[in-house]
N, C-alpha and C. Protein backbone atom coordinates (compact mmCIF):
# COMPACT_ATOMS: atom_id res chain seq x y z
N MET A 1 0.85 -1.17 0.00
CA MET A 1 0.00 0.00 0.00
C MET A 1 0.89 1.23 0.00
N VAL A 2 0.52 2.16 -0.84
CA VAL A 2 1.24 3.43 -0.91
C VAL A 2 0.38 4.49 -0.25
N LYS A 3 0.98 5.22 0.69
CA LYS A 3 0.26 6.23 1.45
C LYS A 3 1.23 7.37 1.75
N PRO A 4 0.94 8.58 1.41
CA PRO A 4 -0.22 9.14 0.72
C PRO A 4 -0.10 8.94 -0.80
N ALA A 5 -1.19 8.60 -1.41
CA ALA A 5 -1.20 8.25 -2.83
C ALA A 5 -0.79 9.42 -3.72
N GLY A 6 -1.41 10.56 -3.53
CA GLY A 6 -1.19 11.70 -4.43
C GLY A 6 0.23 12.22 -4.44
N MET A 7 0.91 12.10 -3.34
CA MET A 7 2.28 12.61 -3.25
C MET A 7 3.32 11.60 -3.73
N TYR A 8 2.90 10.36 -3.91
CA TYR A 8 3.84 9.30 -4.28
C TYR A 8 3.40 8.53 -5.51
N LEU A 9 2.91 9.22 -6.51
CA LEU A 9 2.49 8.56 -7.74
C LEU A 9 3.66 7.86 -8.42
N ASP A 10 4.85 8.41 -8.28
CA ASP A 10 6.03 7.76 -8.86
C ASP A 10 6.30 6.41 -8.18
N ILE A 11 6.04 6.33 -6.90
CA ILE A 11 6.22 5.08 -6.17
C ILE A 11 5.15 4.07 -6.59
N VAL A 12 3.92 4.54 -6.74
CA VAL A 12 2.83 3.68 -7.23
C VAL A 12 3.24 3.08 -8.57
N ALA A 13 3.71 3.92 -9.47
CA ALA A 13 4.11 3.46 -10.81
C ALA A 13 5.26 2.46 -10.73
N GLU A 14 6.22 2.70 -9.88
CA GLU A 14 7.37 1.80 -9.74
C GLU A 14 6.93 0.44 -9.21
N ILE A 15 6.08 0.42 -8.19
CA ILE A 15 5.60 -0.83 -7.62
C ILE A 15 4.76 -1.60 -8.64
N ALA A 16 3.99 -0.87 -9.44
CA ALA A 16 3.14 -1.51 -10.45
C ALA A 16 3.96 -2.31 -11.46
N THR A 17 5.21 -1.94 -11.67
CA THR A 17 6.06 -2.67 -12.62
C THR A 17 6.48 -4.03 -12.09
N LEU A 18 6.31 -4.27 -10.80
CA LEU A 18 6.71 -5.54 -10.19
C LEU A 18 5.70 -6.66 -10.40
N GLY A 19 4.53 -6.30 -10.91
CA GLY A 19 3.49 -7.30 -11.13
C GLY A 19 2.72 -7.68 -9.90
N LEU A 20 2.85 -6.90 -8.85
CA LEU A 20 2.11 -7.14 -7.61
C LEU A 20 0.90 -6.22 -7.54
N PRO A 21 -0.15 -6.62 -6.84
CA PRO A 21 -1.29 -5.72 -6.65
C PRO A 21 -0.84 -4.47 -5.88
N VAL A 22 -1.34 -3.32 -6.31
CA VAL A 22 -0.95 -2.06 -5.68
C VAL A 22 -2.20 -1.38 -5.13
N ALA A 23 -2.17 -1.08 -3.84
CA ALA A 23 -3.23 -0.31 -3.22
C ALA A 23 -2.68 1.09 -2.92
N ALA A 24 -3.51 2.08 -3.09
CA ALA A 24 -3.09 3.46 -2.83
C ALA A 24 -4.14 4.11 -1.92
N TYR A 25 -3.67 4.80 -0.91
CA TYR A 25 -4.54 5.42 0.08
C TYR A 25 -4.50 6.93 -0.07
N GLN A 26 -5.62 7.51 -0.48
CA GLN A 26 -5.73 8.96 -0.57
C GLN A 26 -6.06 9.46 0.84
N VAL A 27 -5.06 9.96 1.52
CA VAL A 27 -5.15 10.27 2.94
C VAL A 27 -6.06 11.47 3.22
N SER A 28 -6.37 11.65 4.50
CA SER A 28 -7.29 12.70 4.93
C SER A 28 -6.80 14.09 4.56
N GLY A 29 -5.49 14.29 4.51
CA GLY A 29 -4.96 15.60 4.12
C GLY A 29 -5.27 15.95 2.68
N GLU A 30 -5.20 14.96 1.81
CA GLU A 30 -5.55 15.17 0.39
C GLU A 30 -7.05 15.49 0.28
N TYR A 31 -7.85 14.76 1.03
CA TYR A 31 -9.30 15.00 1.08
C TYR A 31 -9.58 16.42 1.57
N ALA A 32 -8.94 16.80 2.66
CA ALA A 32 -9.17 18.12 3.26
C ALA A 32 -8.75 19.25 2.32
N MET A 33 -7.65 19.07 1.59
CA MET A 33 -7.20 20.11 0.66
C MET A 33 -8.22 20.34 -0.44
N ILE A 34 -8.74 19.26 -1.00
CA ILE A 34 -9.74 19.40 -2.06
C ILE A 34 -11.02 20.02 -1.52
N LYS A 35 -11.47 19.54 -0.37
CA LYS A 35 -12.70 20.08 0.24
C LYS A 35 -12.56 21.58 0.53
N ALA A 36 -11.44 21.98 1.12
CA ALA A 36 -11.23 23.39 1.47
C ALA A 36 -11.18 24.28 0.24
N ALA A 37 -10.49 23.84 -0.79
CA ALA A 37 -10.40 24.63 -2.02
C ALA A 37 -11.77 24.75 -2.69
N ALA A 38 -12.54 23.67 -2.66
CA ALA A 38 -13.88 23.71 -3.26
C ALA A 38 -14.82 24.62 -2.47
N GLU A 39 -14.74 24.58 -1.16
CA GLU A 39 -15.58 25.44 -0.32
C GLU A 39 -15.30 26.92 -0.57
N ARG A 40 -14.06 27.24 -0.91
CA ARG A 40 -13.68 28.62 -1.17
C ARG A 40 -13.94 29.04 -2.62
N GLY A 41 -14.40 28.10 -3.43
CA GLY A 41 -14.70 28.39 -4.82
C GLY A 41 -13.48 28.41 -5.72
N TRP A 42 -12.37 27.90 -5.25
CA TRP A 42 -11.13 27.90 -6.04
C TRP A 42 -11.11 26.81 -7.08
N ILE A 43 -11.81 25.71 -6.81
CA ILE A 43 -11.88 24.58 -7.73
C ILE A 43 -13.29 24.03 -7.73
N LYS A 44 -13.58 23.21 -8.73
CA LYS A 44 -14.84 22.47 -8.75
C LYS A 44 -14.56 21.10 -8.13
N GLU A 45 -15.23 20.82 -7.04
CA GLU A 45 -14.91 19.62 -6.27
C GLU A 45 -14.99 18.34 -7.08
N LYS A 46 -16.09 18.11 -7.75
CA LYS A 46 -16.27 16.86 -8.48
C LYS A 46 -15.15 16.65 -9.50
N GLU A 47 -14.84 17.68 -10.26
CA GLU A 47 -13.80 17.56 -11.28
C GLU A 47 -12.43 17.31 -10.65
N ALA A 48 -12.14 17.97 -9.54
CA ALA A 48 -10.86 17.79 -8.87
C ALA A 48 -10.73 16.38 -8.30
N VAL A 49 -11.80 15.87 -7.73
CA VAL A 49 -11.78 14.52 -7.18
C VAL A 49 -11.56 13.49 -8.28
N ILE A 50 -12.31 13.62 -9.36
CA ILE A 50 -12.16 12.68 -10.47
C ILE A 50 -10.75 12.74 -11.03
N GLU A 51 -10.20 13.94 -11.19
CA GLU A 51 -8.83 14.10 -11.69
C GLU A 51 -7.83 13.45 -10.75
N SER A 52 -7.98 13.68 -9.47
CA SER A 52 -7.06 13.12 -8.48
C SER A 52 -7.08 11.59 -8.50
N LEU A 53 -8.27 11.01 -8.50
CA LEU A 53 -8.40 9.55 -8.50
C LEU A 53 -7.93 8.95 -9.83
N THR A 54 -8.19 9.65 -10.91
CA THR A 54 -7.72 9.19 -12.22
C THR A 54 -6.19 9.15 -12.27
N CYS A 55 -5.56 10.15 -11.69
CA CYS A 55 -4.08 10.17 -11.64
C CYS A 55 -3.54 8.97 -10.87
N ILE A 56 -4.19 8.66 -9.78
CA ILE A 56 -3.74 7.53 -8.97
C ILE A 56 -3.90 6.22 -9.76
N ARG A 57 -5.02 6.08 -10.41
CA ARG A 57 -5.28 4.88 -11.21
C ARG A 57 -4.30 4.77 -12.37
N ARG A 58 -4.07 5.88 -13.07
CA ARG A 58 -3.15 5.88 -14.21
C ARG A 58 -1.71 5.59 -13.79
N ALA A 59 -1.38 5.93 -12.56
CA ALA A 59 -0.04 5.62 -12.05
C ALA A 59 0.15 4.12 -11.85
N GLY A 60 -0.97 3.39 -11.73
CA GLY A 60 -0.87 1.94 -11.62
C GLY A 60 -1.57 1.30 -10.44
N ALA A 61 -2.31 2.09 -9.66
CA ALA A 61 -3.01 1.52 -8.50
C ALA A 61 -4.14 0.60 -8.96
N ASP A 62 -4.20 -0.58 -8.36
CA ASP A 62 -5.29 -1.51 -8.61
C ASP A 62 -6.48 -1.25 -7.69
N LEU A 63 -6.19 -0.69 -6.53
CA LEU A 63 -7.20 -0.39 -5.51
C LEU A 63 -6.90 0.98 -4.94
N ILE A 64 -7.93 1.81 -4.84
CA ILE A 64 -7.76 3.15 -4.26
C ILE A 64 -8.68 3.25 -3.06
N ILE A 65 -8.11 3.62 -1.93
CA ILE A 65 -8.89 3.87 -0.71
C ILE A 65 -8.98 5.38 -0.56
N SER A 66 -10.21 5.89 -0.48
CA SER A 66 -10.41 7.34 -0.46
C SER A 66 -11.63 7.72 0.37
N TYR A 67 -11.52 8.84 1.05
CA TYR A 67 -12.67 9.38 1.78
C TYR A 67 -13.75 9.85 0.81
N PHE A 68 -13.40 10.01 -0.45
CA PHE A 68 -14.36 10.44 -1.46
C PHE A 68 -15.18 9.29 -2.03
N ALA A 69 -14.94 8.07 -1.60
CA ALA A 69 -15.62 6.90 -2.16
C ALA A 69 -17.15 7.03 -2.16
N PRO A 70 -17.78 7.46 -1.06
CA PRO A 70 -19.25 7.60 -1.10
C PRO A 70 -19.71 8.63 -2.13
N ASP A 71 -18.98 9.74 -2.25
CA ASP A 71 -19.33 10.77 -3.23
C ASP A 71 -19.21 10.22 -4.65
N VAL A 72 -18.11 9.55 -4.92
CA VAL A 72 -17.88 9.02 -6.26
C VAL A 72 -18.93 7.97 -6.61
N ALA A 73 -19.28 7.13 -5.65
CA ALA A 73 -20.33 6.13 -5.89
C ALA A 73 -21.64 6.81 -6.25
N GLY A 74 -21.95 7.90 -5.56
CA GLY A 74 -23.17 8.65 -5.88
C GLY A 74 -23.11 9.27 -7.27
N TRP A 75 -21.97 9.79 -7.64
CA TRP A 75 -21.82 10.39 -8.98
C TRP A 75 -21.95 9.33 -10.05
N MET A 76 -21.46 8.13 -9.77
CA MET A 76 -21.56 7.04 -10.74
C MET A 76 -23.03 6.61 -10.91
N ASP A 77 -23.78 6.60 -9.81
CA ASP A 77 -25.20 6.28 -9.87
C ASP A 77 -25.97 7.29 -10.71
N GLU A 78 -25.57 8.57 -10.61
CA GLU A 78 -26.23 9.64 -11.37
C GLU A 78 -26.05 9.44 -12.87
N GLN A 79 -24.93 8.86 -13.28
CA GLN A 79 -24.64 8.68 -14.69
C GLN A 79 -25.45 7.54 -15.32
N GLN A 80 -25.99 6.67 -14.51
CA GLN A 80 -26.71 5.51 -15.05
C GLN A 80 -28.17 5.81 -15.22
């Protein structure tokens, strides 16, 4: 498991080359930064969350643990 995920995408990518399952944990600080910026109107929360999680996945994570999981699940339900 790589923690914090967002700050160590290079490590996620390196571990992914080993052929082992890679879990990445988007820690509470990453969650808090996105939430705070969105509350101040500096970013659009949904887009920032999707971008952040996409980066982690593209780096090679097979599993992402995130405080945003309930929000993302709701957004996915809206698309169906």
